[in-house]
Amino acid sequence: CIGLALVSATALGRDELIKLKAARALVEAVSGGDAACVRWALLGLGSLTLLRTVRQDLLALELDAQRLIKGVVEAVTGEDEGAACYACLVSGNLAVEASWRELFVAQPGAVKSFAGLLNSESERIRRHCTGAVRNLAVDPDARRIFKEAGVSAMLTRLMAAQDSITARHARRAMENCEEIGGGVQGAGE
């Protein structure tokens, strides 16, 4: 698992890994591995889920998609800071697509789980979580869940973050959550 995750993020290159269906093996590790294995698998998926072909491949098998969502939520709500950070990264990548946003909304507690991480002490977690919230908030049901969780106040605070990426994600997430500034921004724009 760890070897596959390291390779997925580095040497072989993503094109070769797509051919090897590496993402599916990493999903398997996320949904049932020990803490270190889950963290490394999420890191590998953070790289691979940037690619649309990987996101679509994982959607093709509903079981893989459901396992991944469940594993991501467990990592987001767990104690491992690295796993939570990479789970937010993966979620933000997946949430670029409407089908994945719908799966997150359909999983009980999944969307709301990101709200708590916006207040994390970890700058890395705040950065990736804000990006995930930004992309998830394109979905009207996710937007409603975020509003109920009081995400607007958290995003307002993060818009002034010293980290420019977090601040930019927070501004776009706020626009998506509040539907201000000319409407909802497309995921990943």
N, C-alpha and C. Protein backbone atom coordinates (compact mmCIF):
# COMPACT_ATOMS: atom_id res chain seq x y z
N CYS A 1 0.83 -1.20 0.00
CA CYS A 1 0.00 0.00 0.00
C CYS A 1 0.87 1.26 0.00
N ILE A 2 1.80 1.33 0.95
CA ILE A 2 2.63 2.52 1.05
C ILE A 2 3.48 2.68 -0.20
N GLY A 3 4.04 1.57 -0.67
CA GLY A 3 4.83 1.62 -1.89
C GLY A 3 4.02 2.10 -3.08
N LEU A 4 2.81 1.60 -3.22
CA LEU A 4 1.96 2.01 -4.32
C LEU A 4 1.61 3.49 -4.23
N ALA A 5 1.33 3.97 -3.03
CA ALA A 5 1.00 5.39 -2.86
C ALA A 5 2.19 6.27 -3.20
N LEU A 6 3.37 5.88 -2.76
CA LEU A 6 4.56 6.67 -3.07
C LEU A 6 4.82 6.70 -4.57
N VAL A 7 4.67 5.56 -5.19
CA VAL A 7 4.87 5.50 -6.63
C VAL A 7 3.83 6.35 -7.34
N SER A 8 2.61 6.32 -6.86
CA SER A 8 1.54 7.07 -7.53
C SER A 8 1.80 8.56 -7.49
N ALA A 9 2.48 9.02 -6.45
CA ALA A 9 2.75 10.44 -6.33
C ALA A 9 4.05 10.84 -7.02
N THR A 10 4.84 9.88 -7.47
CA THR A 10 6.16 10.23 -7.98
C THR A 10 6.54 9.54 -9.29
N ALA A 11 7.25 8.48 -9.20
CA ALA A 11 8.07 7.94 -10.28
C ALA A 11 7.35 7.47 -11.53
N LEU A 12 6.40 6.59 -11.42
CA LEU A 12 5.81 5.99 -12.61
C LEU A 12 5.11 7.00 -13.51
N GLY A 13 4.54 7.99 -12.93
CA GLY A 13 3.76 8.93 -13.71
C GLY A 13 2.31 8.52 -13.73
N ARG A 14 1.44 9.49 -13.75
CA ARG A 14 0.01 9.21 -13.64
C ARG A 14 -0.55 8.41 -14.81
N ASP A 15 -0.04 8.63 -16.01
CA ASP A 15 -0.56 7.90 -17.17
C ASP A 15 -0.37 6.39 -17.01
N GLU A 16 0.80 6.01 -16.55
CA GLU A 16 1.05 4.58 -16.33
C GLU A 16 0.18 4.03 -15.21
N LEU A 17 0.00 4.82 -14.18
CA LEU A 17 -0.82 4.36 -13.06
C LEU A 17 -2.28 4.20 -13.44
N ILE A 18 -2.75 5.04 -14.34
CA ILE A 18 -4.13 4.90 -14.81
C ILE A 18 -4.29 3.55 -15.49
N LYS A 19 -3.30 3.19 -16.30
CA LYS A 19 -3.35 1.90 -16.97
C LYS A 19 -3.36 0.75 -15.96
N LEU A 20 -2.65 0.92 -14.88
CA LEU A 20 -2.56 -0.11 -13.86
C LEU A 20 -3.78 -0.11 -12.91
N LYS A 21 -4.67 0.83 -13.07
CA LYS A 21 -5.84 0.96 -12.20
C LYS A 21 -5.40 1.11 -10.74
N ALA A 22 -4.35 1.87 -10.53
CA ALA A 22 -3.80 2.06 -9.19
C ALA A 22 -4.80 2.70 -8.25
N ALA A 23 -5.65 3.55 -8.76
CA ALA A 23 -6.60 4.24 -7.88
C ALA A 23 -7.50 3.25 -7.15
N ARG A 24 -7.90 2.20 -7.82
CA ARG A 24 -8.78 1.22 -7.16
C ARG A 24 -8.07 0.54 -6.00
N ALA A 25 -6.80 0.23 -6.17
CA ALA A 25 -6.04 -0.38 -5.07
C ALA A 25 -5.91 0.59 -3.90
N LEU A 26 -5.75 1.86 -4.22
CA LEU A 26 -5.65 2.86 -3.15
C LEU A 26 -6.99 3.04 -2.43
N VAL A 27 -8.09 2.96 -3.16
CA VAL A 27 -9.41 3.04 -2.53
C VAL A 27 -9.57 1.88 -1.56
N GLU A 28 -9.14 0.72 -1.97
CA GLU A 28 -9.19 -0.46 -1.10
C GLU A 28 -8.43 -0.20 0.19
N ALA A 29 -7.25 0.41 0.08
CA ALA A 29 -6.44 0.70 1.26
C ALA A 29 -7.09 1.75 2.15
N VAL A 30 -7.73 2.75 1.54
CA VAL A 30 -8.40 3.81 2.31
C VAL A 30 -9.54 3.23 3.13
N SER A 31 -10.20 2.25 2.57
CA SER A 31 -11.41 1.74 3.23
C SER A 31 -11.15 0.60 4.21
N GLY A 32 -9.90 0.25 4.43
CA GLY A 32 -9.70 -0.85 5.35
C GLY A 32 -8.30 -1.01 5.88
N GLY A 33 -7.46 -0.03 5.68
CA GLY A 33 -6.08 -0.17 6.12
C GLY A 33 -5.83 0.43 7.49
N ASP A 34 -4.61 0.24 7.97
CA ASP A 34 -4.23 0.88 9.22
C ASP A 34 -4.00 2.36 8.95
N ALA A 35 -3.78 3.13 10.01
CA ALA A 35 -3.72 4.59 9.89
C ALA A 35 -2.65 5.06 8.90
N ALA A 36 -1.46 4.50 8.98
CA ALA A 36 -0.39 4.93 8.07
C ALA A 36 -0.73 4.58 6.63
N CYS A 37 -1.30 3.43 6.42
CA CYS A 37 -1.67 3.00 5.07
C CYS A 37 -2.76 3.90 4.50
N VAL A 38 -3.73 4.24 5.32
CA VAL A 38 -4.81 5.14 4.88
C VAL A 38 -4.23 6.49 4.49
N ARG A 39 -3.35 7.02 5.30
CA ARG A 39 -2.74 8.33 5.01
C ARG A 39 -2.00 8.31 3.67
N TRP A 40 -1.17 7.28 3.46
CA TRP A 40 -0.41 7.20 2.22
C TRP A 40 -1.31 6.95 1.01
N ALA A 41 -2.33 6.15 1.20
CA ALA A 41 -3.27 5.90 0.10
C ALA A 41 -3.99 7.18 -0.28
N LEU A 42 -4.39 7.97 0.71
CA LEU A 42 -5.06 9.25 0.42
C LEU A 42 -4.11 10.22 -0.28
N LEU A 43 -2.84 10.19 0.11
CA LEU A 43 -1.85 11.02 -0.58
C LEU A 43 -1.77 10.64 -2.06
N GLY A 44 -1.69 9.35 -2.33
CA GLY A 44 -1.65 8.89 -3.72
C GLY A 44 -2.91 9.28 -4.48
N LEU A 45 -4.06 9.13 -3.83
CA LEU A 45 -5.32 9.51 -4.48
C LEU A 45 -5.42 11.02 -4.68
N GLY A 46 -4.77 11.78 -3.81
CA GLY A 46 -4.74 13.24 -4.00
C GLY A 46 -4.13 13.62 -5.32
N SER A 47 -3.13 12.87 -5.74
CA SER A 47 -2.50 13.11 -7.04
C SER A 47 -3.35 12.56 -8.18
N LEU A 48 -3.81 11.33 -8.02
CA LEU A 48 -4.54 10.67 -9.12
C LEU A 48 -5.91 11.28 -9.39
N THR A 49 -6.61 11.74 -8.34
CA THR A 49 -7.97 12.27 -8.55
C THR A 49 -7.99 13.65 -9.19
N LEU A 50 -6.83 14.19 -9.46
CA LEU A 50 -6.79 15.40 -10.27
C LEU A 50 -7.24 15.10 -11.71
N LEU A 51 -7.09 13.85 -12.09
CA LEU A 51 -7.39 13.45 -13.47
C LEU A 51 -8.84 13.00 -13.61
N ARG A 52 -9.50 13.56 -14.59
CA ARG A 52 -10.91 13.22 -14.83
C ARG A 52 -11.10 11.73 -15.11
N THR A 53 -10.17 11.13 -15.84
CA THR A 53 -10.32 9.71 -16.17
C THR A 53 -10.32 8.86 -14.90
N VAL A 54 -9.54 9.23 -13.92
CA VAL A 54 -9.51 8.50 -12.66
C VAL A 54 -10.83 8.69 -11.92
N ARG A 55 -11.30 9.94 -11.85
CA ARG A 55 -12.58 10.21 -11.16
C ARG A 55 -13.71 9.41 -11.81
N GLN A 56 -13.72 9.36 -13.13
CA GLN A 56 -14.77 8.62 -13.83
C GLN A 56 -14.61 7.12 -13.64
N ASP A 57 -13.38 6.64 -13.65
CA ASP A 57 -13.13 5.22 -13.44
C ASP A 57 -13.64 4.78 -12.07
N LEU A 58 -13.39 5.59 -11.06
CA LEU A 58 -13.86 5.26 -9.71
C LEU A 58 -15.39 5.33 -9.61
N LEU A 59 -15.99 6.21 -10.37
CA LEU A 59 -17.47 6.30 -10.38
C LEU A 59 -18.10 5.10 -11.08
N ALA A 60 -17.37 4.53 -12.02
CA ALA A 60 -17.92 3.43 -12.83
C ALA A 60 -18.32 2.25 -11.96
N LEU A 61 -17.59 2.02 -10.91
CA LEU A 61 -17.95 0.96 -9.97
C LEU A 61 -18.49 1.62 -8.71
N GLU A 62 -19.78 1.54 -8.53
CA GLU A 62 -20.42 2.22 -7.41
C GLU A 62 -19.81 1.83 -6.07
N LEU A 63 -19.42 0.57 -5.94
CA LEU A 63 -18.83 0.12 -4.69
C LEU A 63 -17.53 0.88 -4.38
N ASP A 64 -16.69 1.08 -5.39
CA ASP A 64 -15.46 1.86 -5.20
C ASP A 64 -15.79 3.27 -4.74
N ALA A 65 -16.75 3.88 -5.39
CA ALA A 65 -17.12 5.26 -5.06
C ALA A 65 -17.64 5.34 -3.63
N GLN A 66 -18.52 4.43 -3.25
CA GLN A 66 -19.07 4.44 -1.89
C GLN A 66 -17.98 4.19 -0.85
N ARG A 67 -17.09 3.25 -1.14
CA ARG A 67 -15.97 2.97 -0.22
C ARG A 67 -15.09 4.19 -0.03
N LEU A 68 -14.82 4.86 -1.14
CA LEU A 68 -13.95 6.03 -1.07
C LEU A 68 -14.60 7.13 -0.25
N ILE A 69 -15.87 7.41 -0.50
CA ILE A 69 -16.57 8.45 0.27
C ILE A 69 -16.55 8.10 1.76
N LYS A 70 -16.85 6.85 2.08
CA LYS A 70 -16.86 6.42 3.48
C LYS A 70 -15.47 6.56 4.10
N GLY A 71 -14.44 6.14 3.38
CA GLY A 71 -13.08 6.25 3.89
C GLY A 71 -12.64 7.69 4.07
N VAL A 72 -13.04 8.55 3.15
CA VAL A 72 -12.71 9.97 3.25
C VAL A 72 -13.37 10.57 4.49
N VAL A 73 -14.65 10.26 4.71
CA VAL A 73 -15.36 10.80 5.87
C VAL A 73 -14.72 10.30 7.17
N GLU A 74 -14.34 9.03 7.20
CA GLU A 74 -13.66 8.50 8.39
C GLU A 74 -12.34 9.23 8.63
N ALA A 75 -11.61 9.54 7.58
CA ALA A 75 -10.35 10.26 7.74
C ALA A 75 -10.59 11.70 8.18
N VAL A 76 -11.60 12.33 7.62
CA VAL A 76 -11.91 13.72 7.97
C VAL A 76 -12.31 13.83 9.44
N THR A 77 -13.03 12.86 9.93
CA THR A 77 -13.51 12.91 11.30
C THR A 77 -12.58 12.20 12.29
N GLY A 78 -11.48 11.63 11.80
CA GLY A 78 -10.55 10.88 12.64
C GLY A 78 -9.52 11.77 13.31
N GLU A 79 -8.59 11.13 13.98
CA GLU A 79 -7.56 11.81 14.77
C GLU A 79 -6.28 12.09 13.99
N ASP A 80 -6.08 11.43 12.84
CA ASP A 80 -4.84 11.54 12.09
C ASP A 80 -4.85 12.81 11.23
N GLU A 81 -4.03 13.78 11.59
CA GLU A 81 -4.00 15.06 10.89
C GLU A 81 -3.63 14.90 9.42
N GLY A 82 -2.65 14.05 9.14
CA GLY A 82 -2.24 13.83 7.75
C GLY A 82 -3.35 13.22 6.92
N ALA A 83 -4.02 12.22 7.47
CA ALA A 83 -5.13 11.59 6.75
C ALA A 83 -6.25 12.58 6.51
N ALA A 84 -6.56 13.42 7.50
CA ALA A 84 -7.62 14.42 7.34
C ALA A 84 -7.26 15.42 6.25
N CYS A 85 -6.02 15.83 6.25
CA CYS A 85 -5.56 16.79 5.23
C CYS A 85 -5.69 16.20 3.83
N TYR A 86 -5.18 14.98 3.65
CA TYR A 86 -5.24 14.36 2.32
C TYR A 86 -6.66 13.99 1.94
N ALA A 87 -7.50 13.66 2.91
CA ALA A 87 -8.91 13.37 2.62
C ALA A 87 -9.61 14.61 2.10
N CYS A 88 -9.28 15.76 2.66
CA CYS A 88 -9.85 17.02 2.15
C CYS A 88 -9.36 17.31 0.73
N LEU A 89 -8.09 17.04 0.48
CA LEU A 89 -7.54 17.23 -0.86
C LEU A 89 -8.27 16.35 -1.87
N VAL A 90 -8.42 15.07 -1.54
CA VAL A 90 -9.13 14.14 -2.42
C VAL A 90 -10.57 14.60 -2.63
N SER A 91 -11.22 15.01 -1.57
CA SER A 91 -12.62 15.44 -1.66
C SER A 91 -12.77 16.66 -2.57
N GLY A 92 -11.86 17.60 -2.42
CA GLY A 92 -11.90 18.78 -3.29
C GLY A 92 -11.71 18.42 -4.75
N ASN A 93 -10.82 17.46 -5.01
CA ASN A 93 -10.62 17.00 -6.39
C ASN A 93 -11.86 16.30 -6.93
N LEU A 94 -12.44 15.43 -6.13
CA LEU A 94 -13.62 14.70 -6.58
C LEU A 94 -14.81 15.63 -6.79
N ALA A 95 -14.96 16.61 -5.90
CA ALA A 95 -16.13 17.49 -5.93
C ALA A 95 -16.14 18.45 -7.10
N VAL A 96 -15.16 18.36 -7.96
CA VAL A 96 -15.19 19.14 -9.20
C VAL A 96 -16.33 18.64 -10.09
N GLU A 97 -16.70 17.38 -9.90
CA GLU A 97 -17.73 16.77 -10.74
C GLU A 97 -19.05 16.62 -9.98
N ALA A 98 -20.14 16.91 -10.67
CA ALA A 98 -21.48 16.87 -10.06
C ALA A 98 -21.81 15.49 -9.49
N SER A 99 -21.45 14.43 -10.17
CA SER A 99 -21.77 13.08 -9.68
C SER A 99 -21.12 12.81 -8.33
N TRP A 100 -19.90 13.26 -8.15
CA TRP A 100 -19.22 13.07 -6.87
C TRP A 100 -19.85 13.95 -5.79
N ARG A 101 -20.22 15.19 -6.15
CA ARG A 101 -20.88 16.05 -5.16
C ARG A 101 -22.17 15.39 -4.68
N GLU A 102 -22.91 14.79 -5.60
CA GLU A 102 -24.15 14.11 -5.21
C GLU A 102 -23.88 12.94 -4.27
N LEU A 103 -22.80 12.21 -4.51
CA LEU A 103 -22.44 11.10 -3.62
C LEU A 103 -22.07 11.60 -2.22
N PHE A 104 -21.35 12.70 -2.15
CA PHE A 104 -21.02 13.27 -0.84
C PHE A 104 -22.29 13.68 -0.10
N VAL A 105 -23.21 14.32 -0.80
CA VAL A 105 -24.46 14.76 -0.17
C VAL A 105 -25.28 13.56 0.30
N ALA A 106 -25.27 12.49 -0.47
CA ALA A 106 -26.06 11.30 -0.15
C ALA A 106 -25.50 10.52 1.05
N GLN A 107 -24.22 10.66 1.33
CA GLN A 107 -23.60 9.96 2.47
C GLN A 107 -23.90 10.76 3.74
N PRO A 108 -24.65 10.18 4.67
CA PRO A 108 -25.01 10.92 5.89
C PRO A 108 -23.79 11.47 6.62
N GLY A 109 -23.84 12.75 6.90
CA GLY A 109 -22.78 13.42 7.66
C GLY A 109 -21.55 13.80 6.87
N ALA A 110 -21.45 13.38 5.61
CA ALA A 110 -20.23 13.63 4.85
C ALA A 110 -19.96 15.12 4.65
N VAL A 111 -20.93 15.84 4.15
CA VAL A 111 -20.73 17.26 3.85
C VAL A 111 -20.48 18.03 5.14
N LYS A 112 -21.27 17.76 6.15
CA LYS A 112 -21.13 18.47 7.43
C LYS A 112 -19.78 18.22 8.08
N SER A 113 -19.18 17.07 7.81
CA SER A 113 -17.90 16.74 8.44
C SER A 113 -16.80 17.74 8.09
N PHE A 114 -16.91 18.39 6.95
CA PHE A 114 -15.89 19.37 6.55
C PHE A 114 -15.99 20.66 7.36
N ALA A 115 -17.17 20.99 7.85
CA ALA A 115 -17.37 22.24 8.58
C ALA A 115 -16.44 22.32 9.79
N GLY A 116 -16.31 21.24 10.53
CA GLY A 116 -15.47 21.25 11.72
C GLY A 116 -14.00 21.48 11.42
N LEU A 117 -13.55 21.03 10.26
CA LEU A 117 -12.14 21.18 9.93
C LEU A 117 -11.75 22.60 9.50
N LEU A 118 -12.74 23.42 9.20
CA LEU A 118 -12.43 24.81 8.85
C LEU A 118 -11.81 25.55 10.03
N ASN A 119 -12.03 25.07 11.23
CA ASN A 119 -11.46 25.67 12.44
C ASN A 119 -10.21 24.95 12.92
N SER A 120 -9.68 24.05 12.12
CA SER A 120 -8.50 23.27 12.51
C SER A 120 -7.32 24.19 12.83
N GLU A 121 -6.47 23.75 13.72
CA GLU A 121 -5.24 24.48 14.02
C GLU A 121 -4.22 24.31 12.89
N SER A 122 -4.39 23.30 12.07
CA SER A 122 -3.45 23.02 10.98
C SER A 122 -3.76 23.86 9.75
N GLU A 123 -2.78 24.63 9.33
CA GLU A 123 -2.96 25.44 8.12
C GLU A 123 -3.19 24.57 6.89
N ARG A 124 -2.49 23.43 6.82
CA ARG A 124 -2.67 22.51 5.68
C ARG A 124 -4.10 22.00 5.62
N ILE A 125 -4.64 21.61 6.76
CA ILE A 125 -6.02 21.11 6.78
C ILE A 125 -6.98 22.22 6.39
N ARG A 126 -6.81 23.41 6.94
CA ARG A 126 -7.70 24.53 6.59
C ARG A 126 -7.66 24.80 5.08
N ARG A 127 -6.46 24.78 4.50
CA ARG A 127 -6.30 25.05 3.07
C ARG A 127 -7.08 24.03 2.23
N HIS A 128 -6.85 22.75 2.48
CA HIS A 128 -7.48 21.71 1.67
C HIS A 128 -8.97 21.58 1.98
N CYS A 129 -9.34 21.80 3.23
CA CYS A 129 -10.75 21.73 3.59
C CYS A 129 -11.53 22.88 2.93
N THR A 130 -10.94 24.05 2.92
CA THR A 130 -11.60 25.20 2.28
C THR A 130 -11.79 24.94 0.79
N GLY A 131 -10.81 24.31 0.16
CA GLY A 131 -10.95 23.95 -1.25
C GLY A 131 -12.06 22.93 -1.46
N ALA A 132 -12.17 21.97 -0.55
CA ALA A 132 -13.26 20.97 -0.65
C ALA A 132 -14.61 21.64 -0.46
N VAL A 133 -14.72 22.52 0.53
CA VAL A 133 -15.98 23.24 0.77
C VAL A 133 -16.35 24.07 -0.45
N ARG A 134 -15.35 24.72 -1.02
CA ARG A 134 -15.59 25.53 -2.22
C ARG A 134 -16.24 24.70 -3.33
N ASN A 135 -15.69 23.53 -3.60
CA ASN A 135 -16.21 22.71 -4.69
C ASN A 135 -17.52 22.01 -4.33
N LEU A 136 -17.64 21.57 -3.09
CA LEU A 136 -18.90 20.94 -2.67
C LEU A 136 -20.06 21.92 -2.66
N ALA A 137 -19.79 23.18 -2.32
CA ALA A 137 -20.85 24.18 -2.20
C ALA A 137 -21.50 24.55 -3.52
N VAL A 138 -20.99 24.04 -4.61
CA VAL A 138 -21.65 24.24 -5.91
C VAL A 138 -23.00 23.51 -5.91
N ASP A 139 -23.09 22.42 -5.14
CA ASP A 139 -24.32 21.63 -5.04
C ASP A 139 -25.30 22.32 -4.09
N PRO A 140 -26.55 22.52 -4.52
CA PRO A 140 -27.53 23.22 -3.67
C PRO A 140 -27.78 22.52 -2.33
N ASP A 141 -27.80 21.20 -2.31
CA ASP A 141 -28.01 20.49 -1.04
C ASP A 141 -26.81 20.64 -0.11
N ALA A 142 -25.62 20.60 -0.66
CA ALA A 142 -24.41 20.82 0.15
C ALA A 142 -24.40 22.24 0.69
N ARG A 143 -24.80 23.19 -0.14
CA ARG A 143 -24.88 24.59 0.29
C ARG A 143 -25.80 24.73 1.50
N ARG A 144 -26.94 24.07 1.45
CA ARG A 144 -27.91 24.13 2.56
C ARG A 144 -27.29 23.54 3.82
N ILE A 145 -26.61 22.41 3.69
CA ILE A 145 -25.96 21.76 4.84
C ILE A 145 -24.89 22.69 5.42
N PHE A 146 -24.10 23.32 4.57
CA PHE A 146 -23.07 24.23 5.06
C PHE A 146 -23.69 25.43 5.78
N LYS A 147 -24.78 25.97 5.24
CA LYS A 147 -25.44 27.09 5.90
C LYS A 147 -25.93 26.69 7.28
N GLU A 148 -26.54 25.52 7.38
CA GLU A 148 -27.03 25.03 8.67
C GLU A 148 -25.89 24.82 9.66
N ALA A 149 -24.71 24.48 9.18
CA ALA A 149 -23.55 24.24 10.04
C ALA A 149 -22.81 25.53 10.40
N GLY A 150 -23.27 26.66 9.88
CA GLY A 150 -22.64 27.94 10.20
C GLY A 150 -21.30 28.17 9.53
N VAL A 151 -21.15 27.61 8.35
CA VAL A 151 -19.87 27.70 7.64
C VAL A 151 -19.55 29.14 7.20
N SER A 152 -20.54 29.96 6.98
CA SER A 152 -20.29 31.33 6.50
C SER A 152 -19.37 32.11 7.44
N ALA A 153 -19.60 32.00 8.74
CA ALA A 153 -18.75 32.71 9.71
C ALA A 153 -17.31 32.20 9.64
N MET A 154 -17.15 30.90 9.48
CA MET A 154 -15.81 30.32 9.39
C MET A 154 -15.11 30.79 8.12
N LEU A 155 -15.84 30.81 7.01
CA LEU A 155 -15.26 31.24 5.75
C LEU A 155 -14.90 32.72 5.78
N THR A 156 -15.72 33.52 6.43
CA THR A 156 -15.42 34.95 6.56
C THR A 156 -14.07 35.14 7.24
N ARG A 157 -13.85 34.39 8.31
CA ARG A 157 -12.57 34.47 9.02
C ARG A 157 -11.42 34.00 8.12
N LEU A 158 -11.64 32.94 7.36
CA LEU A 158 -10.59 32.39 6.50
C LEU A 158 -10.29 33.27 5.28
N MET A 159 -11.21 34.14 4.91
CA MET A 159 -10.94 35.05 3.79
C MET A 159 -9.79 36.00 4.12
N ALA A 160 -9.50 36.18 5.40
CA ALA A 160 -8.41 37.04 5.83
C ALA A 160 -7.15 36.23 6.19
N ALA A 161 -7.14 34.96 5.84
CA ALA A 161 -5.99 34.10 6.17
C ALA A 161 -4.72 34.62 5.51
N GLN A 162 -3.59 34.44 6.20
CA GLN A 162 -2.31 34.84 5.62
C GLN A 162 -1.94 33.96 4.44
N ASP A 163 -2.38 32.72 4.46
CA ASP A 163 -2.13 31.81 3.34
C ASP A 163 -3.03 32.23 2.18
N SER A 164 -2.45 32.67 1.10
CA SER A 164 -3.23 33.22 -0.02
C SER A 164 -4.14 32.18 -0.68
N ILE A 165 -3.72 30.92 -0.67
CA ILE A 165 -4.55 29.87 -1.28
C ILE A 165 -5.80 29.65 -0.44
N THR A 166 -5.62 29.58 0.88
CA THR A 166 -6.77 29.42 1.77
C THR A 166 -7.72 30.60 1.61
N ALA A 167 -7.19 31.82 1.59
CA ALA A 167 -8.02 33.02 1.45
C ALA A 167 -8.79 33.00 0.14
N ARG A 168 -8.13 32.63 -0.95
CA ARG A 168 -8.80 32.57 -2.26
C ARG A 168 -9.90 31.50 -2.27
N HIS A 169 -9.59 30.31 -1.74
CA HIS A 169 -10.61 29.26 -1.65
C HIS A 169 -11.78 29.72 -0.79
N ALA A 170 -11.49 30.41 0.31
CA ALA A 170 -12.55 30.87 1.21
C ALA A 170 -13.46 31.88 0.52
N ARG A 171 -12.88 32.80 -0.25
CA ARG A 171 -13.71 33.78 -0.99
C ARG A 171 -14.64 33.07 -1.97
N ARG A 172 -14.10 32.13 -2.72
CA ARG A 172 -14.92 31.39 -3.69
C ARG A 172 -15.94 30.50 -2.99
N ALA A 173 -15.54 29.88 -1.89
CA ALA A 173 -16.48 29.05 -1.14
C ALA A 173 -17.63 29.91 -0.60
N MET A 174 -17.29 31.09 -0.11
CA MET A 174 -18.32 32.00 0.39
C MET A 174 -19.27 32.40 -0.73
N GLU A 175 -18.73 32.69 -1.89
CA GLU A 175 -19.58 33.02 -3.04
C GLU A 175 -20.50 31.86 -3.37
N ASN A 176 -19.97 30.65 -3.33
CA ASN A 176 -20.80 29.48 -3.62
C ASN A 176 -21.84 29.26 -2.53
N CYS A 177 -21.45 29.44 -1.28
CA CYS A 177 -22.40 29.22 -0.17
C CYS A 177 -23.48 30.28 -0.11
N GLU A 178 -23.11 31.49 -0.43
CA GLU A 178 -24.06 32.59 -0.31
C GLU A 178 -24.68 33.00 -1.64
N GLU A 179 -24.17 32.44 -2.72
CA GLU A 179 -24.64 32.80 -4.06
C GLU A 179 -24.59 34.31 -4.28
N ILE A 180 -23.43 34.90 -3.92
CA ILE A 180 -23.23 36.33 -4.13
C ILE A 180 -22.22 36.53 -5.24
N GLY A 181 -22.02 37.75 -5.62
CA GLY A 181 -20.99 38.06 -6.60
C GLY A 181 -21.29 37.49 -7.98
N GLY A 182 -22.54 37.51 -8.40
CA GLY A 182 -22.86 37.07 -9.77
C GLY A 182 -23.22 35.61 -9.87
N GLY A 183 -23.44 34.94 -8.76
CA GLY A 183 -23.89 33.54 -8.85
C GLY A 183 -22.83 32.56 -8.39
N VAL A 184 -23.16 31.32 -8.49
CA VAL A 184 -22.30 30.25 -8.03
C VAL A 184 -21.11 30.08 -8.97
N GLN A 185 -19.92 29.98 -8.39
CA GLN A 185 -18.71 29.72 -9.17
C GLN A 185 -18.65 28.23 -9.48
N GLY A 186 -18.29 27.89 -10.67
CA GLY A 186 -18.12 26.47 -11.00
C GLY A 186 -17.06 25.83 -10.13
N ALA A 187 -17.23 24.57 -9.85
CA ALA A 187 -16.25 23.87 -9.03
C ALA A 187 -14.90 23.91 -9.70
N GLY A 188 -13.89 24.26 -8.95
CA GLY A 188 -12.53 24.24 -9.46
C GLY A 188 -12.15 25.45 -10.27
N GLU A 189 -13.04 26.42 -10.45
CA GLU A 189 -12.69 27.61 -11.24
C GLU A 189 -11.81 28.53 -10.45
